Amino acid sequence: MYVELKSGFNDNGPAWIGMASFSKTGRTIYFNGLAFQGGRIGSIHHEMERGGKYWISGVKKDGADRHWAGSGRIKIDKAVISEYLAIINKDELPKGKFEIVELNNTPPKELVNEITNRKI
């Protein structure tokens, strides 16, 4: 998935590429230790704990994941680099476009349960 923070930014907020998982209902997306709810993939989602707005979409085959008016390096989870390279049909990451990081791939399900029950 491609995830970009929109709250407080235009099209140049911090951005990440990594694996996401979904709740059983598909209404909650788990990514990098955070939980998001919102519309469909390719739209704005709200981070459940702090309420920030994030753009969440699949990665693009042409590698143009950022908005055309956006800028800045994209943090990519080292665990997904080979899969990402296969998707964009490249042998290596484009120079200067990415920062290799380790993302937290553990879904915060307990936090989601706490937040959901707090709302009731």
PDB file of N, CA and C in Angstrom:
ATOM      1  N   MET A   1       0.834  -1.184   0.000  1.00  0.00           N
ATOM      2  CA  MET A   1       0.000   0.000   0.000  1.00  0.00           C
ATOM      3  C   MET A   1       0.875   1.243   0.000  1.00  0.00           C
ATOM      4  N   TYR A   2       0.324   2.303  -0.528  1.00  0.00           N
ATOM      5  CA  TYR A   2       0.939   3.629  -0.470  1.00  0.00           C
ATOM      6  C   TYR A   2       0.106   4.446   0.509  1.00  0.00           C
ATOM      7  N   VAL A   3       0.773   5.029   1.511  1.00  0.00           N
ATOM      8  CA  VAL A   3       0.090   5.809   2.541  1.00  0.00           C
ATOM      9  C   VAL A   3       0.789   7.155   2.653  1.00  0.00           C
ATOM     10  N   GLU A   4       0.018   8.242   2.607  1.00  0.00           N
ATOM     11  CA  GLU A   4       0.589   9.589   2.691  1.00  0.00           C
ATOM     12  C   GLU A   4      -0.217  10.437   3.665  1.00  0.00           C
ATOM     13  N   LEU A   5       0.476  11.075   4.591  1.00  0.00           N
ATOM     14  CA  LEU A   5      -0.170  11.969   5.550  1.00  0.00           C
ATOM     15  C   LEU A   5      -0.616  13.234   4.841  1.00  0.00           C
ATOM     16  N   LYS A   6      -1.884  13.563   4.979  1.00  0.00           N
ATOM     17  CA  LYS A   6      -2.447  14.770   4.361  1.00  0.00           C
ATOM     18  C   LYS A   6      -2.680  15.879   5.379  1.00  0.00           C
ATOM     19  N   SER A   7      -2.977  15.541   6.638  1.00  0.00           N
ATOM     20  CA  SER A   7      -3.227  16.564   7.658  1.00  0.00           C
ATOM     21  C   SER A   7      -2.002  17.458   7.814  1.00  0.00           C
ATOM     22  N   GLY A   8      -2.189  18.765   7.598  1.00  0.00           N
ATOM     23  CA  GLY A   8      -1.103  19.718   7.753  1.00  0.00           C
ATOM     24  C   GLY A   8      -0.195  19.822   6.540  1.00  0.00           C
ATOM     25  N   PHE A   9      -0.480  19.077   5.484  1.00  0.00           N
ATOM     26  CA  PHE A   9       0.348  19.093   4.283  1.00  0.00           C
ATOM     27  C   PHE A   9      -0.559  19.190   3.064  1.00  0.00           C
ATOM     28  N   ASN A  10       0.011  19.602   1.953  1.00  0.00           N
ATOM     29  CA  ASN A  10      -0.737  19.547   0.693  1.00  0.00           C
ATOM     30  C   ASN A  10      -0.473  18.181   0.071  1.00  0.00           C
ATOM     31  N   ASP A  11       0.420  18.142  -0.893  1.00  0.00           N
ATOM     32  CA  ASP A  11       0.733  16.876  -1.544  1.00  0.00           C
ATOM     33  C   ASP A  11       2.161  16.427  -1.268  1.00  0.00           C
ATOM     34  N   ASN A  12       2.777  16.987  -0.225  1.00  0.00           N
ATOM     35  CA  ASN A  12       4.167  16.639   0.064  1.00  0.00           C
ATOM     36  C   ASN A  12       4.364  16.161   1.502  1.00  0.00           C
ATOM     37  N   GLY A  13       3.355  15.546   2.071  1.00  0.00           N
ATOM     38  CA  GLY A  13       3.456  15.009   3.424  1.00  0.00           C
ATOM     39  C   GLY A  13       4.303  13.747   3.448  1.00  0.00           C
ATOM     40  N   PRO A  14       4.672  13.296   4.634  1.00  0.00           N
ATOM     41  CA  PRO A  14       5.425  12.047   4.741  1.00  0.00           C
ATOM     42  C   PRO A  14       4.649  10.911   4.087  1.00  0.00           C
ATOM     43  N   ALA A  15       5.365  10.012   3.419  1.00  0.00           N
ATOM     44  CA  ALA A  15       4.715   8.927   2.691  1.00  0.00           C
ATOM     45  C   ALA A  15       5.473   7.625   2.900  1.00  0.00           C
ATOM     46  N   TRP A  16       4.727   6.511   2.835  1.00  0.00           N
ATOM     47  CA  TRP A  16       5.290   5.187   3.074  1.00  0.00           C
ATOM     48  C   TRP A  16       4.727   4.200   2.066  1.00  0.00           C
ATOM     49  N   ILE A  17       5.529   3.173   1.762  1.00  0.00           N
ATOM     50  CA  ILE A  17       5.059   2.018   1.006  1.00  0.00           C
ATOM     51  C   ILE A  17       5.384   0.797   1.849  1.00  0.00           C
ATOM     52  N   GLY A  18       4.380  -0.035   2.078  1.00  0.00           N
ATOM     53  CA  GLY A  18       4.573  -1.235   2.875  1.00  0.00           C
ATOM     54  C   GLY A  18       3.334  -2.105   2.825  1.00  0.00           C
ATOM     55  N   MET A  19       3.382  -3.189   3.584  1.00  0.00           N
ATOM     56  CA  MET A  19       2.257  -4.118   3.648  1.00  0.00           C
ATOM     57  C   MET A  19       1.186  -3.590   4.587  1.00  0.00           C
ATOM     58  N   ALA A  20      -0.047  -3.807   4.211  1.00  0.00           N
ATOM     59  CA  ALA A  20      -1.186  -3.459   5.055  1.00  0.00           C
ATOM     60  C   ALA A  20      -1.993  -4.730   5.277  1.00  0.00           C
ATOM     61  N   SER A  21      -2.778  -4.710   6.322  1.00  0.00           N
ATOM     62  CA  SER A  21      -3.726  -5.802   6.535  1.00  0.00           C
ATOM     63  C   SER A  21      -5.080  -5.175   6.856  1.00  0.00           C
ATOM     64  N   PHE A  22      -6.097  -5.998   6.801  1.00  0.00           N
ATOM     65  CA  PHE A  22      -7.456  -5.504   6.946  1.00  0.00           C
ATOM     66  C   PHE A  22      -8.186  -6.273   8.040  1.00  0.00           C
ATOM     67  N   SER A  23      -9.159  -5.602   8.655  1.00  0.00           N
ATOM     68  CA  SER A  23     -10.024  -6.275   9.620  1.00  0.00           C
ATOM     69  C   SER A  23     -10.898  -7.279   8.879  1.00  0.00           C
ATOM     70  N   LYS A  24     -11.592  -8.117   9.629  1.00  0.00           N
ATOM     71  CA  LYS A  24     -12.475  -9.119   9.016  1.00  0.00           C
ATOM     72  C   LYS A  24     -13.538  -8.471   8.134  1.00  0.00           C
ATOM     73  N   THR A  25     -14.037  -7.316   8.557  1.00  0.00           N
ATOM     74  CA  THR A  25     -15.079  -6.636   7.788  1.00  0.00           C
ATOM     75  C   THR A  25     -14.499  -5.850   6.612  1.00  0.00           C
ATOM     76  N   GLY A  26     -13.193  -5.596   6.636  1.00  0.00           N
ATOM     77  CA  GLY A  26     -12.558  -4.808   5.585  1.00  0.00           C
ATOM     78  C   GLY A  26     -12.701  -3.316   5.797  1.00  0.00           C
ATOM     79  N   ARG A  27     -13.314  -2.904   6.895  1.00  0.00           N
ATOM     80  CA  ARG A  27     -13.539  -1.476   7.148  1.00  0.00           C
ATOM     81  C   ARG A  27     -12.372  -0.808   7.850  1.00  0.00           C
ATOM     82  N   THR A  28     -11.466  -1.596   8.435  1.00  0.00           N
ATOM     83  CA  THR A  28     -10.302  -1.047   9.120  1.00  0.00           C
ATOM     84  C   THR A  28      -9.050  -1.540   8.416  1.00  0.00           C
ATOM     85  N   ILE A  29      -8.136  -0.609   8.151  1.00  0.00           N
ATOM     86  CA  ILE A  29      -6.852  -0.933   7.537  1.00  0.00           C
ATOM     87  C   ILE A  29      -5.777  -0.765   8.594  1.00  0.00           C
ATOM     88  N   TYR A  30      -4.912  -1.759   8.705  1.00  0.00           N
ATOM     89  CA  TYR A  30      -3.782  -1.698   9.633  1.00  0.00           C
ATOM     90  C   TYR A  30      -2.508  -1.479   8.820  1.00  0.00           C
ATOM     91  N   PHE A  31      -1.740  -0.451   9.200  1.00  0.00           N
ATOM     92  CA  PHE A  31      -0.511  -0.135   8.476  1.00  0.00           C
ATOM     93  C   PHE A  31       0.470   0.544   9.422  1.00  0.00           C
ATOM     94  N   ASN A  32       1.668   0.026   9.505  1.00  0.00           N
ATOM     95  CA  ASN A  32       2.753   0.617  10.290  1.00  0.00           C
ATOM     96  C   ASN A  32       2.348   0.906  11.733  1.00  0.00           C
ATOM     97  N   GLY A  33       1.644  -0.028  12.353  1.00  0.00           N
ATOM     98  CA  GLY A  33       1.255   0.120  13.749  1.00  0.00           C
ATOM     99  C   GLY A  33       0.075   1.044  13.980  1.00  0.00           C
ATOM    100  N   LEU A  34      -0.554   1.513  12.907  1.00  0.00           N
ATOM    101  CA  LEU A  34      -1.705   2.415  13.004  1.00  0.00           C
ATOM    102  C   LEU A  34      -2.939   1.726  12.444  1.00  0.00           C
ATOM    103  N   ALA A  35      -4.104   2.241  12.802  1.00  0.00           N
ATOM    104  CA  ALA A  35      -5.371   1.725  12.291  1.00  0.00           C
ATOM    105  C   ALA A  35      -6.125   2.873  11.632  1.00  0.00           C
ATOM    106  N   PHE A  36      -6.684   2.601  10.466  1.00  0.00           N
ATOM    107  CA  PHE A  36      -7.370   3.617   9.676  1.00  0.00           C
ATOM    108  C   PHE A  36      -8.775   3.153   9.321  1.00  0.00           C
ATOM    109  N   GLN A  37      -9.690   4.115   9.266  1.00  0.00           N
ATOM    110  CA  GLN A  37     -11.031   3.845   8.767  1.00  0.00           C
ATOM    111  C   GLN A  37     -11.389   4.936   7.773  1.00  0.00           C
ATOM    112  N   GLY A  38     -12.162   4.571   6.789  1.00  0.00           N
ATOM    113  CA  GLY A  38     -12.549   5.549   5.784  1.00  0.00           C
ATOM    114  C   GLY A  38     -13.260   4.882   4.649  1.00  0.00           C
ATOM    115  N   GLY A  39     -13.067   5.422   3.487  1.00  0.00           N
ATOM    116  CA  GLY A  39     -13.744   4.915   2.300  1.00  0.00           C
ATOM    117  C   GLY A  39     -13.007   3.754   1.667  1.00  0.00           C
ATOM    118  N   ARG A  40     -13.068   3.744   0.382  1.00  0.00           N
ATOM    119  CA  ARG A  40     -12.430   2.682  -0.387  1.00  0.00           C
ATOM    120  C   ARG A  40     -10.929   2.949  -0.529  1.00  0.00           C
ATOM    121  N   ILE A  41     -10.205   1.961  -1.040  1.00  0.00           N
ATOM    122  CA  ILE A  41      -8.789   2.149  -1.327  1.00  0.00           C
ATOM    123  C   ILE A  41      -8.691   3.197  -2.432  1.00  0.00           C
ATOM    124  N   GLY A  42      -7.765   4.136  -2.289  1.00  0.00           N
ATOM    125  CA  GLY A  42      -7.666   5.236  -3.239  1.00  0.00           C
ATOM    126  C   GLY A  42      -8.481   6.422  -2.774  1.00  0.00           C
ATOM    127  N   SER A  43      -8.508   6.630  -1.440  1.00  0.00           N
ATOM    128  CA  SER A  43      -9.253   7.752  -0.877  1.00  0.00           C
ATOM    129  C   SER A  43      -8.663   8.138   0.482  1.00  0.00           C
ATOM    130  N   ILE A  44      -9.241   9.158   1.071  1.00  0.00           N
ATOM    131  CA  ILE A  44      -8.801   9.646   2.383  1.00  0.00           C
ATOM    132  C   ILE A  44      -9.353   8.737   3.479  1.00  0.00           C
ATOM    133  N   HIS A  45      -8.487   8.411   4.433  1.00  0.00           N
ATOM    134  CA  HIS A  45      -8.860   7.609   5.598  1.00  0.00           C
ATOM    135  C   HIS A  45      -8.440   8.376   6.854  1.00  0.00           C
ATOM    136  N   HIS A  46      -9.111   8.102   7.949  1.00  0.00           N
ATOM    137  CA  HIS A  46      -8.801   8.758   9.218  1.00  0.00           C
ATOM    138  C   HIS A  46      -8.092   7.774  10.130  1.00  0.00           C
ATOM    139  N   GLU A  47      -6.982   8.219  10.697  1.00  0.00           N
ATOM    140  CA  GLU A  47      -6.246   7.397  11.657  1.00  0.00           C
ATOM    141  C   GLU A  47      -7.058   7.386  12.937  1.00  0.00           C
ATOM    142  N   MET A  48      -7.346   6.229  13.473  1.00  0.00           N
ATOM    143  CA  MET A  48      -8.329   6.081  14.551  1.00  0.00           C
ATOM    144  C   MET A  48      -7.899   6.688  15.879  1.00  0.00           C
ATOM    145  N   GLU A  49      -6.632   6.671  16.213  1.00  0.00           N
ATOM    146  CA  GLU A  49      -6.202   7.153  17.525  1.00  0.00           C
ATOM    147  C   GLU A  49      -6.088   8.670  17.579  1.00  0.00           C
ATOM    148  N   ARG A  50      -5.479   9.275  16.576  1.00  0.00           N
ATOM    149  CA  ARG A  50      -5.233  10.724  16.606  1.00  0.00           C
ATOM    150  C   ARG A  50      -6.104  11.521  15.632  1.00  0.00           C
ATOM    151  N   GLY A  51      -6.746  10.814  14.695  1.00  0.00           N
ATOM    152  CA  GLY A  51      -7.678  11.483  13.788  1.00  0.00           C
ATOM    153  C   GLY A  51      -7.064  12.104  12.553  1.00  0.00           C
ATOM    154  N   GLY A  52      -5.769  11.922  12.319  1.00  0.00           N
ATOM    155  CA  GLY A  52      -5.150  12.508  11.134  1.00  0.00           C
ATOM    156  C   GLY A  52      -5.727  11.942   9.844  1.00  0.00           C
ATOM    157  N   LYS A  53      -5.645  12.740   8.785  1.00  0.00           N
ATOM    158  CA  LYS A  53      -6.140  12.320   7.479  1.00  0.00           C
ATOM    159  C   LYS A  53      -4.977  11.793   6.644  1.00  0.00           C
ATOM    160  N   TYR A  54      -5.186  10.616   6.048  1.00  0.00           N
ATOM    161  CA  TYR A  54      -4.172   9.964   5.229  1.00  0.00           C
ATOM    162  C   TYR A  54      -4.782   9.515   3.917  1.00  0.00           C
ATOM    163  N   TRP A  55      -4.028   9.656   2.843  1.00  0.00           N
ATOM    164  CA  TRP A  55      -4.392   9.084   1.559  1.00  0.00           C
ATOM    165  C   TRP A  55      -3.859   7.658   1.550  1.00  0.00           C
ATOM    166  N   ILE A  56      -4.712   6.683   1.251  1.00  0.00           N
ATOM    167  CA  ILE A  56      -4.289   5.289   1.183  1.00  0.00           C
ATOM    168  C   ILE A  56      -4.717   4.727  -0.168  1.00  0.00           C
ATOM    169  N   SER A  57      -3.730   4.168  -0.877  1.00  0.00           N
ATOM    170  CA  SER A  57      -4.014   3.573  -2.180  1.00  0.00           C
ATOM    171  C   SER A  57      -3.068   2.410  -2.430  1.00  0.00           C
ATOM    172  N   GLY A  58      -3.347   1.679  -3.476  1.00  0.00           N
ATOM    173  CA  GLY A  58      -2.395   0.680  -3.917  1.00  0.00           C
ATOM    174  C   GLY A  58      -1.221   1.378  -4.581  1.00  0.00           C
ATOM    175  N   VAL A  59      -0.130   0.670  -4.774  1.00  0.00           N
ATOM    176  CA  VAL A  59       1.003   1.267  -5.480  1.00  0.00           C
ATOM    177  C   VAL A  59       0.720   1.246  -6.977  1.00  0.00           C
ATOM    178  N   LYS A  60       1.313   2.195  -7.673  1.00  0.00           N
ATOM    179  CA  LYS A  60       1.080   2.313  -9.104  1.00  0.00           C
ATOM    180  C   LYS A  60       2.169   1.581  -9.886  1.00  0.00           C
ATOM    181  N   LYS A  61       1.786   0.927 -10.957  1.00  0.00           N
ATOM    182  CA  LYS A  61       2.725   0.149 -11.768  1.00  0.00           C
ATOM    183  C   LYS A  61       3.821   1.010 -12.384  1.00  0.00           C
ATOM    184  N   ASP A  62       3.521   2.291 -12.624  1.00  0.00           N
ATOM    185  CA  ASP A  62       4.538   3.162 -13.228  1.00  0.00           C
ATOM    186  C   ASP A  62       5.439   3.815 -12.171  1.00  0.00           C
ATOM    187  N   GLY A  63       5.201   3.504 -10.879  1.00  0.00           N
ATOM    188  CA  GLY A  63       6.044   4.039  -9.811  1.00  0.00           C
ATOM    189  C   GLY A  63       5.722   5.475  -9.432  1.00  0.00           C
ATOM    190  N   ALA A  64       4.715   6.083 -10.041  1.00  0.00           N
ATOM    191  CA  ALA A  64       4.347   7.471  -9.767  1.00  0.00           C
ATOM    192  C   ALA A  64       3.307   7.502  -8.650  1.00  0.00           C
ATOM    193  N   ASP A  65       3.709   7.108  -7.445  1.00  0.00           N
ATOM    194  CA  ASP A  65       2.752   7.006  -6.342  1.00  0.00           C
ATOM    195  C   ASP A  65       2.377   8.363  -5.761  1.00  0.00           C
ATOM    196  N   ARG A  66       3.313   9.292  -5.684  1.00  0.00           N
ATOM    197  CA  ARG A  66       3.004  10.633  -5.173  1.00  0.00           C
ATOM    198  C   ARG A  66       2.137  11.396  -6.156  1.00  0.00           C
ATOM    199  N   HIS A  67       1.345  12.300  -5.627  1.00  0.00           N
ATOM    200  CA  HIS A  67       0.573  13.226  -6.456  1.00  0.00           C
ATOM    201  C   HIS A  67       1.550  13.993  -7.345  1.00  0.00           C
ATOM    202  N   TRP A  68       1.129  14.335  -8.540  1.00  0.00           N
ATOM    203  CA  TRP A  68       2.040  15.009  -9.474  1.00  0.00           C
ATOM    204  C   TRP A  68       2.601  16.310  -8.903  1.00  0.00           C
ATOM    205  N   ALA A  69       1.855  16.965  -8.008  1.00  0.00           N
ATOM    206  CA  ALA A  69       2.328  18.222  -7.417  1.00  0.00           C
ATOM    207  C   ALA A  69       3.129  17.980  -6.134  1.00  0.00           C
ATOM    208  N   GLY A  70       3.238  16.749  -5.700  1.00  0.00           N
ATOM    209  CA  GLY A  70       3.919  16.423  -4.444  1.00  0.00           C
ATOM    210  C   GLY A  70       5.416  16.274  -4.603  1.00  0.00           C
ATOM    211  N   SER A  71       6.087  16.216  -3.467  1.00  0.00           N
ATOM    212  CA  SER A  71       7.531  16.034  -3.473  1.00  0.00           C
ATOM    213  C   SER A  71       7.953  15.347  -2.180  1.00  0.00           C
ATOM    214  N   GLY A  72       9.190  14.946  -2.135  1.00  0.00           N
ATOM    215  CA  GLY A  72       9.741  14.321  -0.942  1.00  0.00           C
ATOM    216  C   GLY A  72       9.968  12.835  -1.133  1.00  0.00           C
ATOM    217  N   ARG A  73      10.904  12.312  -0.356  1.00  0.00           N
ATOM    218  CA  ARG A  73      11.219  10.890  -0.414  1.00  0.00           C
ATOM    219  C   ARG A  73      10.098  10.059   0.207  1.00  0.00           C
ATOM    220  N   ILE A  74       9.921   8.879  -0.334  1.00  0.00           N
ATOM    221  CA  ILE A  74       8.943   7.928   0.173  1.00  0.00           C
ATOM    222  C   ILE A  74       9.694   6.890   0.989  1.00  0.00           C
ATOM    223  N   LYS A  75       9.221   6.632   2.208  1.00  0.00           N
ATOM    224  CA  LYS A  75       9.818   5.588   3.038  1.00  0.00           C
ATOM    225  C   LYS A  75       9.239   4.252   2.596  1.00  0.00           C
ATOM    226  N   ILE A  76      10.110   3.318   2.273  1.00  0.00           N
ATOM    227  CA  ILE A  76       9.657   2.003   1.817  1.00  0.00           C
ATOM    228  C   ILE A  76      10.186   0.936   2.764  1.00  0.00           C
ATOM    229  N   ASP A  77       9.286   0.056   3.174  1.00  0.00           N
ATOM    230  CA  ASP A  77       9.645  -1.036   4.079  1.00  0.00           C
ATOM    231  C   ASP A  77      10.578  -1.992   3.338  1.00  0.00           C
ATOM    232  N   LYS A  78      11.724  -2.280   3.951  1.00  0.00           N
ATOM    233  CA  LYS A  78      12.693  -3.156   3.278  1.00  0.00           C
ATOM    234  C   LYS A  78      12.103  -4.535   2.997  1.00  0.00           C
ATOM    235  N   ALA A  79      11.074  -4.936   3.751  1.00  0.00           N
ATOM    236  CA  ALA A  79      10.443  -6.239   3.556  1.00  0.00           C
ATOM    237  C   ALA A  79       9.634  -6.335   2.256  1.00  0.00           C
ATOM    238  N   VAL A  80       9.309  -5.206   1.626  1.00  0.00           N
ATOM    239  CA  VAL A  80       8.472  -5.239   0.419  1.00  0.00           C
ATOM    240  C   VAL A  80       9.207  -4.773  -0.832  1.00  0.00           C
ATOM    241  N   ILE A  81      10.491  -4.501  -0.721  1.00  0.00           N
ATOM    242  CA  ILE A  81      11.216  -3.940  -1.868  1.00  0.00           C
ATOM    243  C   ILE A  81      11.160  -4.858  -3.083  1.00  0.00           C
ATOM    244  N   SER A  82      11.431  -6.154  -2.915  1.00  0.00           N
ATOM    245  CA  SER A  82      11.434  -7.048  -4.083  1.00  0.00           C
ATOM    246  C   SER A  82      10.047  -7.126  -4.726  1.00  0.00           C
ATOM    247  N   GLU A  83       9.001  -7.166  -3.907  1.00  0.00           N
ATOM    248  CA  GLU A  83       7.640  -7.193  -4.456  1.00  0.00           C
ATOM    249  C   GLU A  83       7.318  -5.884  -5.173  1.00  0.00           C
ATOM    250  N   TYR A  84       7.738  -4.748  -4.598  1.00  0.00           N
ATOM    251  CA  TYR A  84       7.506  -3.455  -5.228  1.00  0.00           C
ATOM    252  C   TYR A  84       8.245  -3.360  -6.567  1.00  0.00           C
ATOM    253  N   LEU A  85       9.502  -3.827  -6.598  1.00  0.00           N
ATOM    254  CA  LEU A  85      10.264  -3.792  -7.843  1.00  0.00           C
ATOM    255  C   LEU A  85       9.588  -4.634  -8.928  1.00  0.00           C
ATOM    256  N   ALA A  86       9.013  -5.766  -8.535  1.00  0.00           N
ATOM    257  CA  ALA A  86       8.289  -6.598  -9.502  1.00  0.00           C
ATOM    258  C   ALA A  86       7.052  -5.867 -10.030  1.00  0.00           C
ATOM    259  N   ILE A  87       6.359  -5.144  -9.169  1.00  0.00           N
ATOM    260  CA  ILE A  87       5.155  -4.402  -9.581  1.00  0.00           C
ATOM    261  C   ILE A  87       5.509  -3.302 -10.578  1.00  0.00           C
ATOM    262  N   ILE A  88       6.607  -2.575 -10.300  1.00  0.00           N
ATOM    263  CA  ILE A  88       6.981  -1.462 -11.188  1.00  0.00           C
ATOM    264  C   ILE A  88       7.913  -1.911 -12.317  1.00  0.00           C
ATOM    265  N   ASN A  89       8.221  -3.221 -12.354  1.00  0.00           N
ATOM    266  CA  ASN A  89       9.046  -3.808 -13.416  1.00  0.00           C
ATOM    267  C   ASN A  89      10.424  -3.140 -13.511  1.00  0.00           C
ATOM    268  N   LYS A  90      11.099  -3.024 -12.370  1.00  0.00           N
ATOM    269  CA  LYS A  90      12.456  -2.452 -12.307  1.00  0.00           C
ATOM    270  C   LYS A  90      13.374  -3.416 -11.578  1.00  0.00           C
ATOM    271  N   ASP A  91      14.667  -3.239 -11.764  1.00  0.00           N
ATOM    272  CA  ASP A  91      15.661  -4.067 -11.086  1.00  0.00           C
ATOM    273  C   ASP A  91      16.136  -3.448  -9.778  1.00  0.00           C
ATOM    274  N   GLU A  92      16.007  -2.119  -9.677  1.00  0.00           N
ATOM    275  CA  GLU A  92      16.401  -1.430  -8.448  1.00  0.00           C
ATOM    276  C   GLU A  92      15.546  -0.195  -8.252  1.00  0.00           C
ATOM    277  N   LEU A  93      15.530   0.283  -7.005  1.00  0.00           N
ATOM    278  CA  LEU A  93      14.737   1.470  -6.687  1.00  0.00           C
ATOM    279  C   LEU A  93      15.339   2.697  -7.375  1.00  0.00           C
ATOM    280  N   PRO A  94      14.507   3.590  -7.901  1.00  0.00           N
ATOM    281  CA  PRO A  94      15.018   4.821  -8.493  1.00  0.00           C
ATOM    282  C   PRO A  94      15.834   5.628  -7.470  1.00  0.00           C
ATOM    283  N   LYS A  95      16.955   6.135  -7.875  1.00  0.00           N
ATOM    284  CA  LYS A  95      17.858   6.886  -6.991  1.00  0.00           C
ATOM    285  C   LYS A  95      17.191   8.159  -6.471  1.00  0.00           C
ATOM    286  N   GLY A  96      17.375   8.424  -5.176  1.00  0.00           N
ATOM    287  CA  GLY A  96      16.908   9.658  -4.561  1.00  0.00           C
ATOM    288  C   GLY A  96      15.420   9.740  -4.284  1.00  0.00           C
ATOM    289  N   LYS A  97      14.662   8.723  -4.651  1.00  0.00           N
ATOM    290  CA  LYS A  97      13.206   8.782  -4.484  1.00  0.00           C
ATOM    291  C   LYS A  97      12.745   8.117  -3.191  1.00  0.00           C
ATOM    292  N   PHE A  98      13.543   7.179  -2.656  1.00  0.00           N
ATOM    293  CA  PHE A  98      13.120   6.372  -1.518  1.00  0.00           C
ATOM    294  C   PHE A  98      14.104   6.423  -0.359  1.00  0.00           C
ATOM    295  N   GLU A  99      13.571   6.149   0.820  1.00  0.00           N
ATOM    296  CA  GLU A  99      14.364   5.911   2.027  1.00  0.00           C
ATOM    297  C   GLU A  99      13.933   4.533   2.535  1.00  0.00           C
ATOM    298  N   ILE A 100      14.884   3.624   2.676  1.00  0.00           N
ATOM    299  CA  ILE A 100      14.564   2.271   3.120  1.00  0.00           C
ATOM    300  C   ILE A 100      14.459   2.253   4.640  1.00  0.00           C
ATOM    301  N   VAL A 101      13.336   1.733   5.147  1.00  0.00           N
ATOM    302  CA  VAL A 101      13.052   1.701   6.584  1.00  0.00           C
ATOM    303  C   VAL A 101      12.465   0.342   6.953  1.00  0.00           C
ATOM    304  N   GLU A 102      12.288   0.119   8.240  1.00  0.00           N
ATOM    305  CA  GLU A 102      11.557  -1.050   8.724  1.00  0.00           C
ATOM    306  C   GLU A 102      10.261  -0.552   9.345  1.00  0.00           C
ATOM    307  N   LEU A 103       9.145  -0.961   8.785  1.00  0.00           N
ATOM    308  CA  LEU A 103       7.840  -0.549   9.298  1.00  0.00           C
ATOM    309  C   LEU A 103       7.328  -1.575  10.295  1.00  0.00           C
ATOM    310  N   ASN A 104       6.441  -1.124  11.163  1.00  0.00           N
ATOM    311  CA  ASN A 104       5.810  -1.987  12.155  1.00  0.00           C
ATOM    312  C   ASN A 104       4.620  -2.687  11.499  1.00  0.00           C
ATOM    313  N   ASN A 105       4.735  -3.986  11.283  1.00  0.00           N
ATOM    314  CA  ASN A 105       3.672  -4.725  10.602  1.00  0.00           C
ATOM    315  C   ASN A 105       2.749  -5.473  11.551  1.00  0.00           C
ATOM    316  N   THR A 106       2.756  -5.105  12.829  1.00  0.00           N
ATOM    317  CA  THR A 106       1.859  -5.736  13.800  1.00  0.00           C
ATOM    318  C   THR A 106       0.578  -4.908  13.906  1.00  0.00           C
ATOM    319  N   PRO A 107      -0.559  -5.472  13.522  1.00  0.00           N
ATOM    320  CA  PRO A 107      -1.820  -4.713  13.598  1.00  0.00           C
ATOM    321  C   PRO A 107      -2.169  -4.361  15.042  1.00  0.00           C
ATOM    322  N   PRO A 108      -2.544  -3.105  15.320  1.00  0.00           N
ATOM    323  CA  PRO A 108      -2.903  -2.684  16.678  1.00  0.00           C
ATOM    324  C   PRO A 108      -4.352  -3.021  17.027  1.00  0.00           C
ATOM    325  N   LYS A 109      -4.692  -4.287  16.967  1.00  0.00           N
ATOM    326  CA  LYS A 109      -6.087  -4.701  17.155  1.00  0.00           C
ATOM    327  C   LYS A 109      -6.618  -4.368  18.544  1.00  0.00           C
ATOM    328  N   GLU A 110      -5.778  -4.494  19.576  1.00  0.00           N
ATOM    329  CA  GLU A 110      -6.226  -4.168  20.935  1.00  0.00           C
ATOM    330  C   GLU A 110      -6.572  -2.683  21.042  1.00  0.00           C
ATOM    331  N   LEU A 111      -5.749  -1.842  20.422  1.00  0.00           N
ATOM    332  CA  LEU A 111      -6.012  -0.401  20.428  1.00  0.00           C
ATOM    333  C   LEU A 111      -7.328  -0.093  19.724  1.00  0.00           C
ATOM    334  N   VAL A 112      -7.570  -0.740  18.610  1.00  0.00           N
ATOM    335  CA  VAL A 112      -8.820  -0.529  17.872  1.00  0.00           C
ATOM    336  C   VAL A 112     -10.018  -0.932  18.722  1.00  0.00           C
ATOM    337  N   ASN A 113      -9.920  -2.072  19.402  1.00  0.00           N
ATOM    338  CA  ASN A 113     -11.019  -2.498  20.284  1.00  0.00           C
ATOM    339  C   ASN A 113     -11.261  -1.475  21.387  1.00  0.00           C
ATOM    340  N   GLU A 114     -10.182  -0.957  21.970  1.00  0.00           N
ATOM    341  CA  GLU A 114     -10.320   0.042  23.035  1.00  0.00           C
ATOM    342  C   GLU A 114     -10.980   1.312  22.509  1.00  0.00           C
ATOM    343  N   ILE A 115     -10.541   1.799  21.362  1.00  0.00           N
ATOM    344  CA  ILE A 115     -11.096   3.025  20.785  1.00  0.00           C
ATOM    345  C   ILE A 115     -12.558   2.822  20.415  1.00  0.00           C
ATOM    346  N   THR A 116     -12.862   1.695  19.808  1.00  0.00           N
ATOM    347  CA  THR A 116     -14.242   1.402  19.400  1.00  0.00           C
ATOM    348  C   THR A 116     -15.157   1.315  20.612  1.00  0.00           C
ATOM    349  N   ASN A 117     -14.718   0.647  21.661  1.00  0.00           N
ATOM    350  CA  ASN A 117     -15.552   0.532  22.864  1.00  0.00           C
ATOM    351  C   ASN A 117     -15.682   1.854  23.583  1.00  0.00           C
ATOM    352  N   ARG A 118     -14.676   2.707  23.511  1.00  0.00           N
ATOM    353  CA  ARG A 118     -14.717   4.019  24.140  1.00  0.00           C
ATOM    354  C   ARG A 118     -15.798   4.875  23.495  1.00  0.00           C
ATOM    355  N   LYS A 119     -15.994   4.733  22.187  1.00  0.00           N
ATOM    356  CA  LYS A 119     -16.995   5.518  21.484  1.00  0.00           C
ATOM    357  C   LYS A 119     -18.410   5.148  21.875  1.00  0.00           C
ATOM    358  N   ILE A 120     -18.633   3.911  22.274  1.00  0.00           N
ATOM    359  CA  ILE A 120     -19.964   3.441  22.658  1.00  0.00           C
ATOM    360  C   ILE A 120     -20.245   3.949  24.031  1.00  0.00           C
TER     361      ILE A 120
END
